Amino acid sequence: MQTNRSTFAPLALYFAVAFGWAWAFWVPEALREMGMIEIPEALTAIHAGGQPAAWGPLIAAIIVALVYQRGPGLRELLSSIIRVRFSPWYYLVAVALLPAIVGMAQLVAIIAGETVPPSPAFAEPISIPISFIFIFFLSGPLQEEAGWRGTATRLIQTRTGALWASLVTGVAWGLWHLPLFFMQREDIYYNRPFLGLLISTMLLSVLFTWVYNNTRKSLFAAMLIHTSWNWSNYLFTGLLTDAGGLTFMLLLTAVVIVVVVRFGPQRLTRSDSQGW
């Protein structure tokens, strides 16, 4: 087990780089949209879309690995990204669990008589498999999971256990998105309650850690479940309704409780698991 000091330094470096890189792009853009600053036209194209910002967690993870473990640390990080040999059960969980929860939440919203916005995915079904691949590589999972699960959670859980590490990482993960709530182009965040996102990232973080720890710390598995979460929100729009959003929170909380009780808060793995 690492000492407090040996854990604190890489964690501090990780958070500084992950937040610093992303917010260097997002904060000026948020301030510009709020009318507080002006950004030169030449820089507007760089800030638009936010794609450079999203790579902050991966960049931070690579830097931490190189600074504190050098070549072996970087090789372990990269090998975890392509660690695809694990139980088929966790492949099923990673791909299907969250779409099932979000789909059930939308069904409840429909039954409750809420007006559910049309889904862009089902309007063009050919986009459904293509969007999964696009999301995996360019819309969050590849950019983030080496940082949030592969670095932050991995370090914190050596001191606090898996559950608390997941919750702490979930808070940081949610706060990392904060500038997006002030950008009109970010319609899934803009003018929406930040607390809802924060609770979601905390709960989702527990599930992501559960999958990660039970697949021999496979970042590929963590990236799969992250992809399925983002993909769910592309497929189903029911979370934009009151009934759908509330149902989702209740279902997600129930699943997290079952996982914690069944697998234990210390490791979120079975006692004979090789995932820790």
C-alpha atoms as a PDB file:
ATOM      1  CA  MET A   1       0.000   0.000   0.000  1.00  0.00           C
ATOM      2  CA  GLN A   2       1.262   3.456  -0.826  1.00  0.00           C
ATOM      3  CA  THR A   3       1.885   6.000   1.895  1.00  0.00           C
ATOM      4  CA  ASN A   4      -0.200   9.153   2.086  1.00  0.00           C
ATOM      5  CA  ARG A   5       2.689  11.240   0.795  1.00  0.00           C
ATOM      6  CA  SER A   6       3.457   8.952  -2.156  1.00  0.00           C
ATOM      7  CA  THR A   7      -0.225   8.983  -3.127  1.00  0.00           C
ATOM      8  CA  PHE A   8      -0.803  12.710  -2.651  1.00  0.00           C
ATOM      9  CA  ALA A   9       1.892  13.945  -5.027  1.00  0.00           C
ATOM     10  CA  PRO A  10       0.792  12.026  -8.162  1.00  0.00           C
ATOM     11  CA  LEU A  11      -2.856  12.789  -7.367  1.00  0.00           C
ATOM     12  CA  ALA A  12      -2.134  16.492  -7.041  1.00  0.00           C
ATOM     13  CA  LEU A  13      -0.240  16.460 -10.329  1.00  0.00           C
ATOM     14  CA  TYR A  14      -3.034  14.543 -12.043  1.00  0.00           C
ATOM     15  CA  PHE A  15      -5.797  16.914 -10.943  1.00  0.00           C
ATOM     16  CA  ALA A  16      -3.688  19.982 -11.722  1.00  0.00           C
ATOM     17  CA  VAL A  17      -3.031  18.857 -15.292  1.00  0.00           C
ATOM     18  CA  ALA A  18      -6.486  17.361 -15.983  1.00  0.00           C
ATOM     19  CA  PHE A  19      -8.315  20.477 -14.784  1.00  0.00           C
ATOM     20  CA  GLY A  20      -5.687  22.933 -15.963  1.00  0.00           C
ATOM     21  CA  TRP A  21      -5.602  21.629 -19.527  1.00  0.00           C
ATOM     22  CA  ALA A  22      -9.379  21.372 -19.950  1.00  0.00           C
ATOM     23  CA  TRP A  23     -10.279  24.600 -18.201  1.00  0.00           C
ATOM     24  CA  ALA A  24      -7.648  26.512 -20.177  1.00  0.00           C
ATOM     25  CA  PHE A  25      -9.979  25.925 -23.156  1.00  0.00           C
ATOM     26  CA  TRP A  26     -13.380  25.825 -21.472  1.00  0.00           C
ATOM     27  CA  VAL A  27     -13.202  28.708 -19.005  1.00  0.00           C
ATOM     28  CA  PRO A  28     -12.296  31.426 -21.584  1.00  0.00           C
ATOM     29  CA  GLU A  29     -15.064  30.140 -23.860  1.00  0.00           C
ATOM     30  CA  ALA A  30     -17.584  30.183 -20.991  1.00  0.00           C
ATOM     31  CA  LEU A  31     -16.526  33.720 -20.054  1.00  0.00           C
ATOM     32  CA  ARG A  32     -16.832  34.791 -23.691  1.00  0.00           C
ATOM     33  CA  GLU A  33     -20.370  33.414 -23.950  1.00  0.00           C
ATOM     34  CA  MET A  34     -21.252  35.224 -20.725  1.00  0.00           C
ATOM     35  CA  GLY A  35     -20.009  38.468 -22.276  1.00  0.00           C
ATOM     36  CA  MET A  36     -17.228  38.898 -19.737  1.00  0.00           C
ATOM     37  CA  ILE A  37     -14.265  38.682 -22.137  1.00  0.00           C
ATOM     38  CA  GLU A  38     -13.566  38.709 -25.849  1.00  0.00           C
ATOM     39  CA  ILE A  39     -11.575  35.998 -27.601  1.00  0.00           C
ATOM     40  CA  PRO A  40      -9.677  36.885 -30.794  1.00  0.00           C
ATOM     41  CA  GLU A  41     -11.264  35.455 -33.915  1.00  0.00           C
ATOM     42  CA  ALA A  42      -8.173  33.354 -34.619  1.00  0.00           C
ATOM     43  CA  LEU A  43      -8.619  31.502 -31.309  1.00  0.00           C
ATOM     44  CA  THR A  44     -12.383  31.008 -31.540  1.00  0.00           C
ATOM     45  CA  ALA A  45     -12.047  27.991 -33.842  1.00  0.00           C
ATOM     46  CA  ILE A  46      -9.682  26.319 -31.351  1.00  0.00           C
ATOM     47  CA  HIS A  47     -12.135  26.762 -28.485  1.00  0.00           C
ATOM     48  CA  ALA A  48     -15.225  25.824 -30.526  1.00  0.00           C
ATOM     49  CA  GLY A  49     -16.210  22.185 -30.047  1.00  0.00           C
ATOM     50  CA  GLY A  50     -14.083  21.738 -26.939  1.00  0.00           C
ATOM     51  CA  GLN A  51     -12.253  18.734 -28.388  1.00  0.00           C
ATOM     52  CA  PRO A  52      -8.725  19.708 -27.266  1.00  0.00           C
ATOM     53  CA  ALA A  53     -10.005  20.233 -23.712  1.00  0.00           C
ATOM     54  CA  ALA A  54     -11.437  16.734 -23.426  1.00  0.00           C
ATOM     55  CA  TRP A  55      -7.981  15.142 -23.696  1.00  0.00           C
ATOM     56  CA  GLY A  56      -6.887  16.643 -20.363  1.00  0.00           C
ATOM     57  CA  PRO A  57      -7.407  13.481 -18.239  1.00  0.00           C
ATOM     58  CA  LEU A  58      -5.482  11.278 -20.678  1.00  0.00           C
ATOM     59  CA  ILE A  59      -2.626  13.785 -20.943  1.00  0.00           C
ATOM     60  CA  ALA A  60      -2.542  14.058 -17.151  1.00  0.00           C
ATOM     61  CA  ALA A  61      -2.495  10.259 -16.756  1.00  0.00           C
ATOM     62  CA  ILE A  62       0.424   9.916 -19.159  1.00  0.00           C
ATOM     63  CA  ILE A  63       2.390  12.656 -17.377  1.00  0.00           C
ATOM     64  CA  VAL A  64       1.784  11.096 -13.949  1.00  0.00           C
ATOM     65  CA  ALA A  65       2.857   7.670 -15.212  1.00  0.00           C
ATOM     66  CA  LEU A  66       6.051   9.058 -16.735  1.00  0.00           C
ATOM     67  CA  VAL A  67       6.973  11.254 -13.772  1.00  0.00           C
ATOM     68  CA  TYR A  68       6.372   8.693 -11.016  1.00  0.00           C
ATOM     69  CA  GLN A  69       6.859   5.302 -12.696  1.00  0.00           C
ATOM     70  CA  ARG A  70       8.661   6.198 -15.926  1.00  0.00           C
ATOM     71  CA  GLY A  71       8.623   3.614 -18.727  1.00  0.00           C
ATOM     72  CA  PRO A  72       7.031   0.734 -16.788  1.00  0.00           C
ATOM     73  CA  GLY A  73       4.201   2.994 -15.611  1.00  0.00           C
ATOM     74  CA  LEU A  74       3.450   4.206 -19.106  1.00  0.00           C
ATOM     75  CA  ARG A  75       3.572   0.657 -20.493  1.00  0.00           C
ATOM     76  CA  GLU A  76       1.107  -0.514 -17.814  1.00  0.00           C
ATOM     77  CA  LEU A  77      -1.226   2.389 -18.580  1.00  0.00           C
ATOM     78  CA  LEU A  78      -1.179   1.705 -22.311  1.00  0.00           C
ATOM     79  CA  SER A  79      -1.502  -2.062 -21.888  1.00  0.00           C
ATOM     80  CA  SER A  80      -4.567  -1.522 -19.698  1.00  0.00           C
ATOM     81  CA  ILE A  81      -6.209   0.384 -22.549  1.00  0.00           C
ATOM     82  CA  ILE A  82      -5.920  -2.680 -24.781  1.00  0.00           C
ATOM     83  CA  ARG A  83      -6.624  -5.267 -22.048  1.00  0.00           C
ATOM     84  CA  VAL A  84      -9.560  -6.971 -23.740  1.00  0.00           C
ATOM     85  CA  ARG A  85      -9.422 -10.436 -22.143  1.00  0.00           C
ATOM     86  CA  PHE A  86     -11.892 -10.562 -19.287  1.00  0.00           C
ATOM     87  CA  SER A  87     -15.155 -12.270 -18.392  1.00  0.00           C
ATOM     88  CA  PRO A  88     -17.922 -12.086 -21.033  1.00  0.00           C
ATOM     89  CA  TRP A  89     -20.238 -11.161 -18.146  1.00  0.00           C
ATOM     90  CA  TYR A  90     -18.471  -7.832 -17.786  1.00  0.00           C
ATOM     91  CA  TYR A  91     -18.621  -7.247 -21.516  1.00  0.00           C
ATOM     92  CA  LEU A  92     -22.397  -7.621 -21.212  1.00  0.00           C
ATOM     93  CA  VAL A  93     -22.523  -5.346 -18.166  1.00  0.00           C
ATOM     94  CA  ALA A  94     -20.334  -2.707 -19.799  1.00  0.00           C
ATOM     95  CA  VAL A  95     -22.346  -2.557 -23.005  1.00  0.00           C
ATOM     96  CA  ALA A  96     -25.925  -3.242 -21.897  1.00  0.00           C
ATOM     97  CA  LEU A  97     -26.478  -2.189 -18.261  1.00  0.00           C
ATOM     98  CA  LEU A  98     -26.721   1.583 -18.658  1.00  0.00           C
ATOM     99  CA  PRO A  99     -28.707   1.546 -21.927  1.00  0.00           C
ATOM    100  CA  ALA A 100     -31.180  -0.750 -20.140  1.00  0.00           C
ATOM    101  CA  ILE A 101     -31.496   1.641 -17.195  1.00  0.00           C
ATOM    102  CA  VAL A 102     -31.878   4.711 -19.407  1.00  0.00           C
ATOM    103  CA  GLY A 103     -34.343   2.886 -21.666  1.00  0.00           C
ATOM    104  CA  MET A 104     -36.456   1.870 -18.664  1.00  0.00           C
ATOM    105  CA  ALA A 105     -36.426   5.450 -17.415  1.00  0.00           C
ATOM    106  CA  GLN A 106     -37.709   6.635 -20.784  1.00  0.00           C
ATOM    107  CA  LEU A 107     -40.453   3.995 -20.764  1.00  0.00           C
ATOM    108  CA  VAL A 108     -41.620   5.277 -17.366  1.00  0.00           C
ATOM    109  CA  ALA A 109     -41.645   8.826 -18.724  1.00  0.00           C
ATOM    110  CA  ILE A 110     -43.818   7.741 -21.664  1.00  0.00           C
ATOM    111  CA  ILE A 111     -46.211   5.832 -19.401  1.00  0.00           C
ATOM    112  CA  ALA A 112     -46.416   8.914 -17.145  1.00  0.00           C
ATOM    113  CA  GLY A 113     -47.589  10.933 -20.143  1.00  0.00           C
ATOM    114  CA  GLU A 114     -44.500  13.108 -20.475  1.00  0.00           C
ATOM    115  CA  THR A 115     -43.536  14.516 -23.852  1.00  0.00           C
ATOM    116  CA  VAL A 116     -40.293  12.792 -24.776  1.00  0.00           C
ATOM    117  CA  PRO A 117     -38.207  14.627 -27.397  1.00  0.00           C
ATOM    118  CA  PRO A 118     -37.606  12.654 -30.613  1.00  0.00           C
ATOM    119  CA  SER A 119     -34.410  10.619 -30.699  1.00  0.00           C
ATOM    120  CA  PRO A 120     -31.911  11.596 -33.410  1.00  0.00           C
ATOM    121  CA  ALA A 121     -30.566   8.034 -33.302  1.00  0.00           C
ATOM    122  CA  PHE A 122     -33.818   6.292 -34.210  1.00  0.00           C
ATOM    123  CA  ALA A 123     -34.528   8.928 -36.849  1.00  0.00           C
ATOM    124  CA  GLU A 124     -31.402   7.601 -38.626  1.00  0.00           C
ATOM    125  CA  PRO A 125     -30.893   3.994 -37.463  1.00  0.00           C
ATOM    126  CA  ILE A 126     -27.685   3.611 -39.455  1.00  0.00           C
ATOM    127  CA  SER A 127     -26.094   6.065 -37.059  1.00  0.00           C
ATOM    128  CA  ILE A 128     -26.636   3.801 -34.037  1.00  0.00           C
ATOM    129  CA  PRO A 129     -23.612   1.453 -34.453  1.00  0.00           C
ATOM    130  CA  ILE A 130     -21.495   4.206 -35.990  1.00  0.00           C
ATOM    131  CA  SER A 131     -22.173   6.506 -33.048  1.00  0.00           C
ATOM    132  CA  PHE A 132     -20.947   3.865 -30.578  1.00  0.00           C
ATOM    133  CA  ILE A 133     -17.560   3.728 -32.303  1.00  0.00           C
ATOM    134  CA  PHE A 134     -17.379   7.518 -32.603  1.00  0.00           C
ATOM    135  CA  ILE A 135     -18.188   7.991 -28.915  1.00  0.00           C
ATOM    136  CA  PHE A 136     -15.615   5.376 -27.872  1.00  0.00           C
ATOM    137  CA  PHE A 137     -12.737   7.175 -29.590  1.00  0.00           C
ATOM    138  CA  LEU A 138     -13.742  10.841 -29.743  1.00  0.00           C
ATOM    139  CA  SER A 139     -16.450  11.647 -27.228  1.00  0.00           C
ATOM    140  CA  GLY A 140     -15.122  10.949 -23.756  1.00  0.00           C
ATOM    141  CA  PRO A 141     -14.078   7.360 -22.977  1.00  0.00           C
ATOM    142  CA  LEU A 142     -10.637   7.325 -24.607  1.00  0.00           C
ATOM    143  CA  GLN A 143      -9.917  10.878 -23.461  1.00  0.00           C
ATOM    144  CA  GLU A 144     -11.010  10.392 -19.848  1.00  0.00           C
ATOM    145  CA  GLU A 145     -10.845   6.856 -18.455  1.00  0.00           C
ATOM    146  CA  ALA A 146      -7.045   6.577 -18.203  1.00  0.00           C
ATOM    147  CA  GLY A 147      -7.331   9.574 -15.901  1.00  0.00           C
ATOM    148  CA  TRP A 148     -10.450   9.093 -13.795  1.00  0.00           C
ATOM    149  CA  ARG A 149     -10.291   5.333 -13.290  1.00  0.00           C
ATOM    150  CA  GLY A 150      -6.733   4.476 -14.378  1.00  0.00           C
ATOM    151  CA  THR A 151      -5.054   7.173 -12.279  1.00  0.00           C
ATOM    152  CA  ALA A 152      -7.323   8.934  -9.751  1.00  0.00           C
ATOM    153  CA  THR A 153      -9.430   5.982  -8.582  1.00  0.00           C
ATOM    154  CA  ARG A 154      -6.501   3.574  -8.762  1.00  0.00           C
ATOM    155  CA  LEU A 155      -4.425   5.768  -6.441  1.00  0.00           C
ATOM    156  CA  ILE A 156      -7.185   6.809  -4.045  1.00  0.00           C
ATOM    157  CA  GLN A 157      -8.553   3.306  -3.467  1.00  0.00           C
ATOM    158  CA  THR A 158      -5.224   2.142  -2.039  1.00  0.00           C
ATOM    159  CA  ARG A 159      -5.943   4.509   0.887  1.00  0.00           C
ATOM    160  CA  THR A 160      -9.721   4.628   1.222  1.00  0.00           C
ATOM    161  CA  GLY A 161     -11.085   1.543  -0.498  1.00  0.00           C
ATOM    162  CA  ALA A 162     -12.927   1.327  -3.777  1.00  0.00           C
ATOM    163  CA  LEU A 163     -16.272   2.855  -2.772  1.00  0.00           C
ATOM    164  CA  TRP A 164     -14.908   6.065  -1.287  1.00  0.00           C
ATOM    165  CA  ALA A 165     -12.348   6.349  -4.066  1.00  0.00           C
ATOM    166  CA  SER A 166     -15.162   6.102  -6.603  1.00  0.00           C
ATOM    167  CA  LEU A 167     -17.218   8.777  -4.875  1.00  0.00           C
ATOM    168  CA  VAL A 168     -14.270  11.172  -4.572  1.00  0.00           C
ATOM    169  CA  THR A 169     -13.357  10.602  -8.208  1.00  0.00           C
ATOM    170  CA  GLY A 170     -17.007  11.085  -9.150  1.00  0.00           C
ATOM    171  CA  VAL A 171     -17.062  14.499  -7.467  1.00  0.00           C
ATOM    172  CA  ALA A 172     -13.887  15.552  -9.283  1.00  0.00           C
ATOM    173  CA  TRP A 173     -15.207  14.161 -12.565  1.00  0.00           C
ATOM    174  CA  GLY A 174     -18.406  16.171 -12.179  1.00  0.00           C
ATOM    175  CA  LEU A 175     -16.594  19.387 -11.189  1.00  0.00           C
ATOM    176  CA  TRP A 176     -14.332  18.999 -14.222  1.00  0.00           C
ATOM    177  CA  HIS A 177     -17.436  19.557 -16.418  1.00  0.00           C
ATOM    178  CA  LEU A 178     -18.488  22.734 -14.599  1.00  0.00           C
ATOM    179  CA  PRO A 179     -17.519  25.309 -17.302  1.00  0.00           C
ATOM    180  CA  LEU A 180     -19.721  23.485 -19.816  1.00  0.00           C
ATOM    181  CA  PHE A 181     -22.799  24.578 -17.867  1.00  0.00           C
ATOM    182  CA  PHE A 182     -22.146  28.153 -19.030  1.00  0.00           C
ATOM    183  CA  MET A 183     -21.855  27.380 -22.768  1.00  0.00           C
ATOM    184  CA  GLN A 184     -25.012  27.563 -24.861  1.00  0.00           C
ATOM    185  CA  ARG A 185     -23.645  25.143 -27.446  1.00  0.00           C
ATOM    186  CA  GLU A 186     -23.362  22.441 -24.758  1.00  0.00           C
ATOM    187  CA  ASP A 187     -27.094  21.768 -24.732  1.00  0.00           C
ATOM    188  CA  ILE A 188     -26.886  18.707 -22.452  1.00  0.00           C
ATOM    189  CA  TYR A 189     -25.322  20.900 -19.749  1.00  0.00           C
ATOM    190  CA  TYR A 190     -26.364  24.503 -20.368  1.00  0.00           C
ATOM    191  CA  ASN A 191     -28.877  25.856 -17.835  1.00  0.00           C
ATOM    192  CA  ARG A 192     -29.378  22.400 -16.314  1.00  0.00           C
ATOM    193  CA  PRO A 193     -28.976  21.668 -12.581  1.00  0.00           C
ATOM    194  CA  PHE A 194     -25.320  20.978 -11.827  1.00  0.00           C
ATOM    195  CA  LEU A 195     -26.233  18.945  -8.736  1.00  0.00           C
ATOM    196  CA  GLY A 196     -27.934  16.391 -10.967  1.00  0.00           C
ATOM    197  CA  LEU A 197     -24.731  15.864 -12.928  1.00  0.00           C
ATOM    198  CA  LEU A 198     -22.664  15.645  -9.747  1.00  0.00           C
ATOM    199  CA  ILE A 199     -24.868  12.939  -8.246  1.00  0.00           C
ATOM    200  CA  SER A 200     -24.825  11.076 -11.561  1.00  0.00           C
ATOM    201  CA  THR A 201     -21.040  11.123 -11.862  1.00  0.00           C
ATOM    202  CA  MET A 202     -20.668   9.871  -8.290  1.00  0.00           C
ATOM    203  CA  LEU A 203     -23.047   6.948  -8.874  1.00  0.00           C
ATOM    204  CA  LEU A 204     -21.667   6.161 -12.320  1.00  0.00           C
ATOM    205  CA  SER A 205     -18.149   6.274 -10.925  1.00  0.00           C
ATOM    206  CA  VAL A 206     -19.004   3.414  -8.561  1.00  0.00           C
ATOM    207  CA  LEU A 207     -20.231   1.283 -11.466  1.00  0.00           C
ATOM    208  CA  PHE A 208     -17.227   2.165 -13.606  1.00  0.00           C
ATOM    209  CA  THR A 209     -14.845   1.215 -10.777  1.00  0.00           C
ATOM    210  CA  TRP A 210     -16.758  -2.023 -10.217  1.00  0.00           C
ATOM    211  CA  VAL A 211     -16.218  -2.977 -13.858  1.00  0.00           C
ATOM    212  CA  TYR A 212     -12.607  -1.752 -13.841  1.00  0.00           C
ATOM    213  CA  ASN A 213     -11.625  -3.660 -10.691  1.00  0.00           C
ATOM    214  CA  ASN A 214     -13.283  -6.880 -11.839  1.00  0.00           C
ATOM    215  CA  THR A 215     -11.577  -6.949 -15.239  1.00  0.00           C
ATOM    216  CA  ARG A 216      -7.963  -6.903 -13.999  1.00  0.00           C
ATOM    217  CA  LYS A 217      -8.015  -3.092 -14.094  1.00  0.00           C
ATOM    218  CA  SER A 218      -8.909  -3.010 -17.769  1.00  0.00           C
ATOM    219  CA  LEU A 219      -9.262   0.550 -19.018  1.00  0.00           C
ATOM    220  CA  PHE A 220     -10.799  -0.949 -22.141  1.00  0.00           C
ATOM    221  CA  ALA A 221     -13.676  -2.239 -19.990  1.00  0.00           C
ATOM    222  CA  ALA A 222     -14.019   1.154 -18.287  1.00  0.00           C
ATOM    223  CA  MET A 223     -14.043   2.816 -21.690  1.00  0.00           C
ATOM    224  CA  LEU A 224     -16.777   0.432 -22.860  1.00  0.00           C
ATOM    225  CA  ILE A 225     -19.142   1.259 -19.998  1.00  0.00           C
ATOM    226  CA  HIS A 226     -18.371   4.978 -20.377  1.00  0.00           C
ATOM    227  CA  THR A 227     -19.208   4.658 -24.076  1.00  0.00           C
ATOM    228  CA  SER A 228     -22.468   2.887 -23.328  1.00  0.00           C
ATOM    229  CA  TRP A 229     -23.435   5.702 -20.930  1.00  0.00           C
ATOM    230  CA  ASN A 230     -22.861   8.432 -23.509  1.00  0.00           C
ATOM    231  CA  TRP A 231     -24.457   6.268 -26.192  1.00  0.00           C
ATOM    232  CA  SER A 232     -27.552   5.758 -24.019  1.00  0.00           C
ATOM    233  CA  ASN A 233     -28.095   9.494 -23.948  1.00  0.00           C
ATOM    234  CA  TYR A 234     -27.876   9.565 -27.742  1.00  0.00           C
ATOM    235  CA  LEU A 235     -30.346   6.716 -28.150  1.00  0.00           C
ATOM    236  CA  PHE A 236     -32.880   7.781 -25.524  1.00  0.00           C
ATOM    237  CA  THR A 237     -34.039  11.292 -24.690  1.00  0.00           C
ATOM    238  CA  GLY A 238     -36.250  10.399 -21.745  1.00  0.00           C
ATOM    239  CA  LEU A 239     -33.788  11.774 -19.199  1.00  0.00           C
ATOM    240  CA  LEU A 240     -34.725  15.253 -20.408  1.00  0.00           C
ATOM    241  CA  THR A 241     -38.147  14.762 -18.791  1.00  0.00           C
ATOM    242  CA  ASP A 242     -38.903  15.054 -15.072  1.00  0.00           C
ATOM    243  CA  ALA A 243     -40.253  11.523 -14.709  1.00  0.00           C
ATOM    244  CA  GLY A 244     -37.461  10.040 -16.794  1.00  0.00           C
ATOM    245  CA  GLY A 245     -34.719  11.853 -14.906  1.00  0.00           C
ATOM    246  CA  LEU A 246     -36.119  10.899 -11.498  1.00  0.00           C
ATOM    247  CA  THR A 247     -36.634   7.266 -12.519  1.00  0.00           C
ATOM    248  CA  PHE A 248     -33.088   7.081 -13.835  1.00  0.00           C
ATOM    249  CA  MET A 249     -31.674   8.370 -10.550  1.00  0.00           C
ATOM    250  CA  LEU A 250     -33.726   5.870  -8.543  1.00  0.00           C
ATOM    251  CA  LEU A 251     -32.768   2.930 -10.754  1.00  0.00           C
ATOM    252  CA  LEU A 252     -29.090   3.904 -10.836  1.00  0.00           C
ATOM    253  CA  THR A 253     -29.014   4.294  -7.062  1.00  0.00           C
ATOM    254  CA  ALA A 254     -30.647   0.887  -6.609  1.00  0.00           C
ATOM    255  CA  VAL A 255     -28.117  -0.805  -8.898  1.00  0.00           C
ATOM    256  CA  VAL A 256     -25.202   0.868  -7.102  1.00  0.00           C
ATOM    257  CA  ILE A 257     -26.535  -0.277  -3.712  1.00  0.00           C
ATOM    258  CA  VAL A 258     -26.845  -3.860  -4.969  1.00  0.00           C
ATOM    259  CA  VAL A 259     -23.286  -3.777  -6.327  1.00  0.00           C
ATOM    260  CA  VAL A 260     -21.839  -2.369  -3.096  1.00  0.00           C
ATOM    261  CA  VAL A 261     -23.714  -4.870  -0.899  1.00  0.00           C
ATOM    262  CA  ARG A 262     -22.930  -7.830  -3.135  1.00  0.00           C
ATOM    263  CA  PHE A 263     -19.254  -7.079  -3.830  1.00  0.00           C
ATOM    264  CA  GLY A 264     -18.262  -5.109  -0.737  1.00  0.00           C
ATOM    265  CA  PRO A 265     -17.275  -1.445  -0.453  1.00  0.00           C
ATOM    266  CA  GLN A 266     -13.560  -2.069   0.129  1.00  0.00           C
ATOM    267  CA  ARG A 267     -12.768  -3.562  -3.274  1.00  0.00           C
ATOM    268  CA  LEU A 268     -16.051  -3.809  -5.183  1.00  0.00           C
ATOM    269  CA  THR A 269     -14.852  -7.256  -6.188  1.00  0.00           C
ATOM    270  CA  ARG A 270     -15.530 -10.766  -4.970  1.00  0.00           C
ATOM    271  CA  SER A 271     -13.000 -12.085  -2.478  1.00  0.00           C
ATOM    272  CA  ASP A 272     -11.553 -14.520  -5.030  1.00  0.00           C
ATOM    273  CA  SER A 273     -11.477 -11.987  -7.849  1.00  0.00           C
ATOM    274  CA  GLN A 274      -8.240 -11.262  -9.655  1.00  0.00           C
ATOM    275  CA  GLY A 275      -9.442  -7.808 -10.587  1.00  0.00           C
ATOM    276  CA  TRP A 276      -7.941  -5.878  -7.649  1.00  0.00           C
END
